[in-house]
PDB file of all heavy atoms in Angstrom:
ATOM      1  N   SER A   1      28.339  40.604 123.786  1.00  0.00           N
ATOM      2  CA  SER A   1      27.981  40.999 122.475  1.00  0.00           C
ATOM      3  C   SER A   1      29.299  41.267 121.631  1.00  0.00           C
ATOM      4  O   SER A   1      30.185  41.923 122.043  1.00  0.00           O
ATOM      5  CB  SER A   1      27.232  42.340 122.455  1.00  0.00           C
ATOM      6  OG  SER A   1      27.085  42.837 121.135  1.00  0.00           O
ATOM      7  N   THR A   2      29.334  40.523 120.501  1.00  0.00           N
ATOM      8  CA  THR A   2      30.530  40.655 119.617  1.00  0.00           C
ATOM      9  C   THR A   2      30.716  42.004 119.084  1.00  0.00           C
ATOM     10  O   THR A   2      31.848  42.383 118.772  1.00  0.00           O
ATOM     11  CB  THR A   2      30.486  39.589 118.553  1.00  0.00           C
ATOM     12  OG1 THR A   2      29.305  39.825 117.809  1.00  0.00           O
ATOM     13  CG2 THR A   2      30.565  38.170 119.078  1.00  0.00           C
ATOM     14  N   SER A   3      29.672  42.727 118.913  1.00  0.00           N
ATOM     15  CA  SER A   3      29.755  44.148 118.329  1.00  0.00           C
ATOM     16  C   SER A   3      30.420  45.013 119.309  1.00  0.00           C
ATOM     17  O   SER A   3      31.096  46.080 118.899  1.00  0.00           O
ATOM     18  CB  SER A   3      28.373  44.638 117.944  1.00  0.00           C
ATOM     19  OG  SER A   3      27.557  44.704 119.082  1.00  0.00           O
ATOM     20  N   TRP A   4      30.304  44.806 120.592  1.00  0.00           N
ATOM     21  CA  TRP A   4      30.973  45.672 121.601  1.00  0.00           C
ATOM     22  C   TRP A   4      32.289  45.143 122.119  1.00  0.00           C
ATOM     23  O   TRP A   4      33.009  45.788 122.849  1.00  0.00           O
ATOM     24  CB  TRP A   4      29.981  45.883 122.818  1.00  0.00           C
ATOM     25  CG  TRP A   4      28.785  46.636 122.471  1.00  0.00           C
ATOM     26  CD1 TRP A   4      27.557  46.294 122.036  1.00  0.00           C
ATOM     27  CD2 TRP A   4      28.731  48.142 122.535  1.00  0.00           C
ATOM     28  NE1 TRP A   4      26.775  47.368 121.831  1.00  0.00           N
ATOM     29  CE2 TRP A   4      27.481  48.520 122.139  1.00  0.00           C
ATOM     30  CE3 TRP A   4      29.653  49.196 122.930  1.00  0.00           C
ATOM     31  CZ2 TRP A   4      27.036  49.839 122.096  1.00  0.00           C
ATOM     32  CZ3 TRP A   4      29.199  50.476 122.849  1.00  0.00           C
ATOM     33  CH2 TRP A   4      27.937  50.827 122.445  1.00  0.00           C
ATOM     34  N   ARG A   5      32.512  43.897 121.816  1.00  0.00           N
ATOM     35  CA  ARG A   5      33.738  43.279 122.324  1.00  0.00           C
ATOM     36  C   ARG A   5      34.938  43.690 121.517  1.00  0.00           C
ATOM     37  O   ARG A   5      35.010  43.565 120.333  1.00  0.00           O
ATOM     38  CB  ARG A   5      33.656  41.750 122.255  1.00  0.00           C
ATOM     39  CG  ARG A   5      34.889  41.043 122.821  1.00  0.00           C
ATOM     40  CD  ARG A   5      34.678  39.545 122.703  1.00  0.00           C
ATOM     41  NE  ARG A   5      33.624  39.059 123.521  1.00  0.00           N
ATOM     42  CZ  ARG A   5      33.193  37.812 123.480  1.00  0.00           C
ATOM     43  NH1 ARG A   5      33.758  36.886 122.728  1.00  0.00           N
ATOM     44  NH2 ARG A   5      32.107  37.454 124.219  1.00  0.00           N
ATOM     45  N   PRO A   6      36.014  44.290 122.196  1.00  0.00           N
ATOM     46  CA  PRO A   6      37.207  44.691 121.470  1.00  0.00           C
ATOM     47  C   PRO A   6      37.946  43.571 120.820  1.00  0.00           C
ATOM     48  O   PRO A   6      38.127  42.488 121.538  1.00  0.00           O
ATOM     49  CB  PRO A   6      38.047  45.382 122.493  1.00  0.00           C
ATOM     50  CG  PRO A   6      37.571  44.862 123.792  1.00  0.00           C
ATOM     51  CD  PRO A   6      36.125  44.466 123.664  1.00  0.00           C
ATOM     52  N   PRO A   7      38.389  43.690 119.622  1.00  0.00           N
ATOM     53  CA  PRO A   7      39.060  42.506 118.987  1.00  0.00           C
ATOM     54  C   PRO A   7      40.394  42.301 119.675  1.00  0.00           C
ATOM     55  O   PRO A   7      41.119  43.209 120.252  1.00  0.00           O
ATOM     56  CB  PRO A   7      39.259  42.999 117.575  1.00  0.00           C
ATOM     57  CG  PRO A   7      39.185  44.548 117.601  1.00  0.00           C
ATOM     58  CD  PRO A   7      38.227  44.798 118.744  1.00  0.00           C
ATOM     59  N   PHE A   8      40.785  40.979 119.604  1.00  0.00           N
ATOM     60  CA  PHE A   8      42.069  40.674 120.287  1.00  0.00           C
ATOM     61  C   PHE A   8      43.277  41.299 119.562  1.00  0.00           C
ATOM     62  O   PHE A   8      44.283  41.565 120.142  1.00  0.00           O
ATOM     63  CB  PHE A   8      42.233  39.100 120.257  1.00  0.00           C
ATOM     64  CG  PHE A   8      43.329  38.609 121.125  1.00  0.00           C
ATOM     65  CD1 PHE A   8      43.297  38.737 122.506  1.00  0.00           C
ATOM     66  CD2 PHE A   8      44.520  38.122 120.545  1.00  0.00           C
ATOM     67  CE1 PHE A   8      44.316  38.274 123.322  1.00  0.00           C
ATOM     68  CE2 PHE A   8      45.569  37.666 121.335  1.00  0.00           C
ATOM     69  CZ  PHE A   8      45.449  37.757 122.685  1.00  0.00           C
ATOM     70  N   SER A   9      43.133  41.561 118.277  1.00  0.00           N
ATOM     71  CA  SER A   9      44.247  42.277 117.538  1.00  0.00           C
ATOM     72  C   SER A   9      44.483  43.633 118.074  1.00  0.00           C
ATOM     73  O   SER A   9      45.621  44.088 118.139  1.00  0.00           O
ATOM     74  CB  SER A   9      43.884  42.282 116.053  1.00  0.00           C
ATOM     75  OG  SER A   9      42.689  42.994 115.822  1.00  0.00           O
ATOM     76  N   LEU A  10      43.413  44.339 118.525  1.00  0.00           N
ATOM     77  CA  LEU A  10      43.548  45.653 119.128  1.00  0.00           C
ATOM     78  C   LEU A  10      44.372  45.537 120.424  1.00  0.00           C
ATOM     79  O   LEU A  10      45.214  46.388 120.774  1.00  0.00           O
ATOM     80  CB  LEU A  10      42.224  46.283 119.369  1.00  0.00           C
ATOM     81  CG  LEU A  10      42.170  47.690 120.085  1.00  0.00           C
ATOM     82  CD1 LEU A  10      42.909  48.698 119.228  1.00  0.00           C
ATOM     83  CD2 LEU A  10      40.743  48.054 120.360  1.00  0.00           C
ATOM     84  N   THR A  11      44.020  44.574 121.188  1.00  0.00           N
ATOM     85  CA  THR A  11      44.800  44.357 122.487  1.00  0.00           C
ATOM     86  C   THR A  11      46.310  44.079 122.165  1.00  0.00           C
ATOM     87  O   THR A  11      47.156  44.650 122.898  1.00  0.00           O
ATOM     88  CB  THR A  11      44.251  43.135 123.233  1.00  0.00           C
ATOM     89  OG1 THR A  11      42.826  43.335 123.364  1.00  0.00           O
ATOM     90  CG2 THR A  11      44.853  43.045 124.599  1.00  0.00           C
ATOM     91  N   LEU A  12      46.604  43.298 121.204  1.00  0.00           N
ATOM     92  CA  LEU A  12      47.999  43.080 120.869  1.00  0.00           C
ATOM     93  C   LEU A  12      48.638  44.370 120.348  1.00  0.00           C
ATOM     94  O   LEU A  12      49.851  44.539 120.637  1.00  0.00           O
ATOM     95  CB  LEU A  12      48.066  41.943 119.820  1.00  0.00           C
ATOM     96  CG  LEU A  12      47.716  40.532 120.251  1.00  0.00           C
ATOM     97  CD1 LEU A  12      47.837  39.602 119.037  1.00  0.00           C
ATOM     98  CD2 LEU A  12      48.619  40.118 121.408  1.00  0.00           C
ATOM     99  N   ALA A  13      47.961  45.150 119.611  1.00  0.00           N
ATOM    100  CA  ALA A  13      48.493  46.414 119.049  1.00  0.00           C
ATOM    101  C   ALA A  13      48.835  47.363 120.148  1.00  0.00           C
ATOM    102  O   ALA A  13      49.882  48.026 120.155  1.00  0.00           O
ATOM    103  CB  ALA A  13      47.577  46.983 118.069  1.00  0.00           C
ATOM    104  N   VAL A  14      47.980  47.493 121.190  1.00  0.00           N
ATOM    105  CA  VAL A  14      48.166  48.322 122.394  1.00  0.00           C
ATOM    106  C   VAL A  14      49.368  47.806 123.131  1.00  0.00           C
ATOM    107  O   VAL A  14      50.238  48.640 123.593  1.00  0.00           O
ATOM    108  CB  VAL A  14      46.920  48.430 123.230  1.00  0.00           C
ATOM    109  CG1 VAL A  14      47.241  49.085 124.542  1.00  0.00           C
ATOM    110  CG2 VAL A  14      45.803  49.109 122.505  1.00  0.00           C
ATOM    111  N   ALA A  15      49.490  46.429 123.246  1.00  0.00           N
ATOM    112  CA  ALA A  15      50.621  45.953 123.970  1.00  0.00           C
ATOM    113  C   ALA A  15      51.955  46.241 123.234  1.00  0.00           C
ATOM    114  O   ALA A  15      52.974  46.648 123.881  1.00  0.00           O
ATOM    115  CB  ALA A  15      50.508  44.360 124.106  1.00  0.00           C
ATOM    116  N   PHE A  16      51.936  46.113 121.952  1.00  0.00           N
ATOM    117  CA  PHE A  16      53.146  46.468 121.174  1.00  0.00           C
ATOM    118  C   PHE A  16      53.475  47.955 121.338  1.00  0.00           C
ATOM    119  O   PHE A  16      54.715  48.302 121.469  1.00  0.00           O
ATOM    120  CB  PHE A  16      52.921  46.110 119.697  1.00  0.00           C
ATOM    121  CG  PHE A  16      54.084  46.513 118.803  1.00  0.00           C
ATOM    122  CD1 PHE A  16      55.186  45.730 118.790  1.00  0.00           C
ATOM    123  CD2 PHE A  16      53.991  47.692 118.005  1.00  0.00           C
ATOM    124  CE1 PHE A  16      56.293  46.118 117.927  1.00  0.00           C
ATOM    125  CE2 PHE A  16      55.036  48.048 117.184  1.00  0.00           C
ATOM    126  CZ  PHE A  16      56.153  47.336 117.152  1.00  0.00           C
ATOM    127  N   LEU A  17      52.462  48.842 121.218  1.00  0.00           N
ATOM    128  CA  LEU A  17      52.747  50.246 121.388  1.00  0.00           C
ATOM    129  C   LEU A  17      53.259  50.578 122.738  1.00  0.00           C
ATOM    130  O   LEU A  17      54.041  51.567 122.872  1.00  0.00           O
ATOM    131  CB  LEU A  17      51.431  51.013 121.056  1.00  0.00           C
ATOM    132  CG  LEU A  17      50.925  50.965 119.631  1.00  0.00           C
ATOM    133  CD1 LEU A  17      49.600  51.723 119.516  1.00  0.00           C
ATOM    134  CD2 LEU A  17      51.994  51.654 118.699  1.00  0.00           C
ATOM    135  N   GLY A  18      52.867  49.825 123.724  1.00  0.00           N
ATOM    136  CA  GLY A  18      53.392  50.061 125.110  1.00  0.00           C
ATOM    137  C   GLY A  18      54.813  49.563 125.264  1.00  0.00           C
ATOM    138  O   GLY A  18      55.591  50.142 126.029  1.00  0.00           O
ATOM    139  N   LEU A  19      55.150  48.503 124.505  1.00  0.00           N
ATOM    140  CA  LEU A  19      56.508  47.998 124.654  1.00  0.00           C
ATOM    141  C   LEU A  19      57.569  48.900 124.054  1.00  0.00           C
ATOM    142  O   LEU A  19      58.753  48.941 124.529  1.00  0.00           O
ATOM    143  CB  LEU A  19      56.583  46.605 123.911  1.00  0.00           C
ATOM    144  CG  LEU A  19      55.934  45.477 124.633  1.00  0.00           C
ATOM    145  CD1 LEU A  19      56.046  44.188 123.810  1.00  0.00           C
ATOM    146  CD2 LEU A  19      56.758  45.211 125.977  1.00  0.00           C
ATOM    147  N   VAL A  20      57.201  49.622 123.018  1.00  0.00           N
ATOM    148  CA  VAL A  20      58.175  50.585 122.411  1.00  0.00           C
ATOM    149  C   VAL A  20      58.720  51.626 123.396  1.00  0.00           C
ATOM    150  O   VAL A  20      59.937  51.724 123.613  1.00  0.00           O
ATOM    151  CB  VAL A  20      57.584  51.252 121.160  1.00  0.00           C
ATOM    152  CG1 VAL A  20      58.550  52.284 120.585  1.00  0.00           C
ATOM    153  CG2 VAL A  20      57.296  50.178 120.074  1.00  0.00           C
ATOM    154  N   PRO A  21      57.886  52.432 123.981  1.00  0.00           N
ATOM    155  CA  PRO A  21      58.488  53.375 125.033  1.00  0.00           C
ATOM    156  C   PRO A  21      59.127  52.746 126.214  1.00  0.00           C
ATOM    157  O   PRO A  21      60.050  53.118 126.805  1.00  0.00           O
ATOM    158  CB  PRO A  21      57.280  54.249 125.404  1.00  0.00           C
ATOM    159  CG  PRO A  21      56.055  53.460 125.121  1.00  0.00           C
ATOM    160  CD  PRO A  21      56.413  52.637 123.923  1.00  0.00           C
ATOM    161  N   ALA A  22      58.584  51.505 126.663  1.00  0.00           N
ATOM    162  CA  ALA A  22      59.076  50.784 127.748  1.00  0.00           C
ATOM    163  C   ALA A  22      60.480  50.327 127.494  1.00  0.00           C
ATOM    164  O   ALA A  22      61.419  50.371 128.245  1.00  0.00           O
ATOM    165  CB  ALA A  22      58.233  49.610 128.139  1.00  0.00           C
ATOM    166  N   THR A  23      60.708  49.880 126.267  1.00  0.00           N
ATOM    167  CA  THR A  23      62.055  49.357 125.827  1.00  0.00           C
ATOM    168  C   THR A  23      63.005  50.518 125.783  1.00  0.00           C
ATOM    169  O   THR A  23      64.233  50.462 126.208  1.00  0.00           O
ATOM    170  CB  THR A  23      61.952  48.692 124.457  1.00  0.00           C
ATOM    171  OG1 THR A  23      61.095  47.588 124.498  1.00  0.00           O
ATOM    172  CG2 THR A  23      63.315  48.163 124.020  1.00  0.00           C
ATOM    173  N   ILE A  24      62.583  51.674 125.218  1.00  0.00           N
ATOM    174  CA  ILE A  24      63.423  52.877 125.166  1.00  0.00           C
ATOM    175  C   ILE A  24      63.790  53.375 126.543  1.00  0.00           C
ATOM    176  O   ILE A  24      65.040  53.656 126.862  1.00  0.00           O
ATOM    177  CB  ILE A  24      62.759  54.026 124.385  1.00  0.00           C
ATOM    178  CG1 ILE A  24      62.548  53.634 122.948  1.00  0.00           C
ATOM    179  CG2 ILE A  24      63.559  55.293 124.513  1.00  0.00           C
ATOM    180  CD1 ILE A  24      61.759  54.594 122.119  1.00  0.00           C
ATOM    181  N   LEU A  25      62.854  53.306 127.473  1.00  0.00           N
ATOM    182  CA  LEU A  25      63.150  53.700 128.819  1.00  0.00           C
ATOM    183  C   LEU A  25      64.149  52.738 129.511  1.00  0.00           C
ATOM    184  O   LEU A  25      65.031  53.175 130.275  1.00  0.00           O
ATOM    185  CB  LEU A  25      61.837  53.723 129.612  1.00  0.00           C
ATOM    186  CG  LEU A  25      61.006  55.009 129.557  1.00  0.00           C
ATOM    187  CD1 LEU A  25      59.669  54.815 130.238  1.00  0.00           C
ATOM    188  CD2 LEU A  25      61.735  56.196 130.230  1.00  0.00           C
ATOM    189  N   ALA A  26      63.891  51.456 129.293  1.00  0.00           N
ATOM    190  CA  ALA A  26      64.808  50.463 129.889  1.00  0.00           C
ATOM    191  C   ALA A  26      66.196  50.671 129.368  1.00  0.00           C
ATOM    192  O   ALA A  26      67.229  50.559 130.159  1.00  0.00           O
ATOM    193  CB  ALA A  26      64.302  49.036 129.574  1.00  0.00           C
ATOM    194  N   ALA A  27      66.338  50.898 128.065  1.00  0.00           N
ATOM    195  CA  ALA A  27      67.749  51.084 127.522  1.00  0.00           C
ATOM    196  C   ALA A  27      68.325  52.338 128.131  1.00  0.00           C
ATOM    197  O   ALA A  27      69.591  52.439 128.427  1.00  0.00           O
ATOM    198  CB  ALA A  27      67.629  51.200 125.994  1.00  0.00           C
ATOM    199  N   ASP A  28      67.585  53.481 128.209  1.00  0.00           N
ATOM    200  CA  ASP A  28      68.110  54.679 128.766  1.00  0.00           C
ATOM    201  C   ASP A  28      68.568  54.518 130.204  1.00  0.00           C
ATOM    202  O   ASP A  28      69.588  55.019 130.636  1.00  0.00           O
ATOM    203  CB  ASP A  28      67.082  55.808 128.619  1.00  0.00           C
ATOM    204  CG  ASP A  28      66.912  56.366 127.250  1.00  0.00           C
ATOM    205  OD1 ASP A  28      67.777  55.998 126.462  1.00  0.00           O
ATOM    206  OD2 ASP A  28      65.987  57.069 127.038  1.00  0.00           O
ATOM    207  N   LEU A  29      67.717  53.832 131.077  1.00  0.00           N
ATOM    208  CA  LEU A  29      68.064  53.647 132.426  1.00  0.00           C
ATOM    209  C   LEU A  29      69.250  52.787 132.544  1.00  0.00           C
ATOM    210  O   LEU A  29      70.117  53.030 133.526  1.00  0.00           O
ATOM    211  CB  LEU A  29      66.833  53.057 133.109  1.00  0.00           C
ATOM    212  CG  LEU A  29      65.609  53.880 133.316  1.00  0.00           C
ATOM    213  CD1 LEU A  29      64.488  53.194 133.861  1.00  0.00           C
ATOM    214  CD2 LEU A  29      65.932  55.189 134.146  1.00  0.00           C
ATOM    215  N   GLU A  30      69.428  51.792 131.741  1.00  0.00           N
ATOM    216  CA  GLU A  30      70.613  50.931 131.855  1.00  0.00           C
ATOM    217  C   GLU A  30      71.845  51.637 131.382  1.00  0.00           C
ATOM    218  O   GLU A  30      72.904  51.504 132.029  1.00  0.00           O
ATOM    219  CB  GLU A  30      70.403  49.648 130.894  1.00  0.00           C
ATOM    220  CG  GLU A  30      71.551  48.677 130.866  1.00  0.00           C
ATOM    221  CD  GLU A  30      71.747  47.967 132.232  1.00  0.00           C
ATOM    222  OE1 GLU A  30      70.833  48.077 133.080  1.00  0.00           O
ATOM    223  OE2 GLU A  30      72.782  47.345 132.410  1.00  0.00           O
ATOM    224  N   ARG A  31      71.725  52.510 130.398  1.00  0.00           N
ATOM    225  CA  ARG A  31      72.897  53.339 130.023  1.00  0.00           C
ATOM    226  C   ARG A  31      73.298  54.252 131.090  1.00  0.00           C
ATOM    227  O   ARG A  31      74.435  54.478 131.357  1.00  0.00           O
ATOM    228  CB  ARG A  31      72.501  54.033 128.723  1.00  0.00           C
ATOM    229  CG  ARG A  31      73.653  54.736 127.983  1.00  0.00           C
ATOM    230  CD  ARG A  31      73.343  55.040 126.617  1.00  0.00           C
ATOM    231  NE  ARG A  31      72.062  55.674 126.354  1.00  0.00           N
ATOM    232  CZ  ARG A  31      71.056  55.104 125.692  1.00  0.00           C
ATOM    233  NH1 ARG A  31      71.229  53.892 125.203  1.00  0.00           N
ATOM    234  NH2 ARG A  31      69.867  55.632 125.628  1.00  0.00           N
ATOM    235  N   ASP A  32      72.285  54.900 131.705  1.00  0.00           N
ATOM    236  CA  ASP A  32      72.584  55.764 132.864  1.00  0.00           C
ATOM    237  C   ASP A  32      73.249  55.063 134.015  1.00  0.00           C
ATOM    238  O   ASP A  32      74.095  55.580 134.691  1.00  0.00           O
ATOM    239  CB  ASP A  32      71.265  56.505 133.309  1.00  0.00           C
ATOM    240  CG  ASP A  32      70.849  57.616 132.323  1.00  0.00           C
ATOM    241  OD1 ASP A  32      71.555  57.880 131.444  1.00  0.00           O
ATOM    242  OD2 ASP A  32      69.746  58.159 132.685  1.00  0.00           O
ATOM    243  N   ARG A  33      72.771  53.850 134.259  1.00  0.00           N
ATOM    244  CA  ARG A  33      73.367  53.044 135.374  1.00  0.00           C
ATOM    245  C   ARG A  33      74.806  52.769 135.125  1.00  0.00           C
ATOM    246  O   ARG A  33      75.654  52.910 136.010  1.00  0.00           O
ATOM    247  CB  ARG A  33      72.559  51.717 135.504  1.00  0.00           C
ATOM    248  CG  ARG A  33      73.009  50.927 136.746  1.00  0.00           C
ATOM    249  CD  ARG A  33      72.252  49.647 136.776  1.00  0.00           C
ATOM    250  NE  ARG A  33      72.660  48.679 135.743  1.00  0.00           N
ATOM    251  CZ  ARG A  33      73.752  47.957 135.775  1.00  0.00           C
ATOM    252  NH1 ARG A  33      74.532  48.005 136.835  1.00  0.00           N
ATOM    253  NH2 ARG A  33      74.092  47.196 134.758  1.00  0.00           N
ATOM    254  N   HIS A  34      75.122  52.408 133.858  1.00  0.00           N
ATOM    255  CA  HIS A  34      76.554  52.175 133.477  1.00  0.00           C
ATOM    256  C   HIS A  34      77.368  53.501 133.590  1.00  0.00           C
ATOM    257  O   HIS A  34      78.487  53.506 134.204  1.00  0.00           O
ATOM    258  CB  HIS A  34      76.609  51.575 132.139  1.00  0.00           C
ATOM    259  CG  HIS A  34      76.432  50.132 132.082  1.00  0.00           C
ATOM    260  ND1 HIS A  34      77.348  49.186 132.529  1.00  0.00           N
ATOM    261  CD2 HIS A  34      75.398  49.483 131.565  1.00  0.00           C
ATOM    262  CE1 HIS A  34      76.769  47.956 132.306  1.00  0.00           C
ATOM    263  NE2 HIS A  34      75.646  48.110 131.778  1.00  0.00           N
ATOM    264  N   ALA A  35      76.722  54.607 133.170  1.00  0.00           N
ATOM    265  CA  ALA A  35      77.541  55.857 133.168  1.00  0.00           C
ATOM    266  C   ALA A  35      77.829  56.380 134.579  1.00  0.00           C
ATOM    267  O   ALA A  35      78.825  56.897 134.915  1.00  0.00           O
ATOM    268  CB  ALA A  35      76.771  56.936 132.381  1.00  0.00           C
ATOM    269  N   ARG A  36      76.859  56.081 135.515  1.00  0.00           N
ATOM    270  CA  ARG A  36      77.034  56.462 136.866  1.00  0.00           C
ATOM    271  C   ARG A  36      78.118  55.734 137.603  1.00  0.00           C
ATOM    272  O   ARG A  36      78.724  56.181 138.562  1.00  0.00           O
ATOM    273  CB  ARG A  36      75.770  56.360 137.722  1.00  0.00           C
ATOM    274  CG  ARG A  36      74.645  57.277 137.224  1.00  0.00           C
ATOM    275  CD  ARG A  36      73.404  57.119 138.070  1.00  0.00           C
ATOM    276  NE  ARG A  36      72.253  57.918 137.547  1.00  0.00           N
ATOM    277  CZ  ARG A  36      72.148  59.267 137.703  1.00  0.00           C
ATOM    278  NH1 ARG A  36      73.055  59.863 138.440  1.00  0.00           N
ATOM    279  NH2 ARG A  36      71.157  59.844 137.155  1.00  0.00           N
ATOM    280  N   SER A  37      78.461  54.513 137.119  1.00  0.00           N
ATOM    281  CA  SER A  37      79.504  53.725 137.705  1.00  0.00           C
ATOM    282  C   SER A  37      80.862  53.933 136.988  1.00  0.00           C
ATOM    283  O   SER A  37      81.808  53.235 137.298  1.00  0.00           O
ATOM    284  CB  SER A  37      79.090  52.286 137.683  1.00  0.00           C
ATOM    285  OG  SER A  37      79.072  51.789 136.409  1.00  0.00           O
TER     286      SER A  37
END
């Protein structure tokens, strides 16, 4: 049913919202890795 099917744009929006904290975490972990060495 199209009325119950989530739009593909919502899926892309969730993916984008998940990439923001993931990118911040990756940058922080990389910075910590350099600082530890």
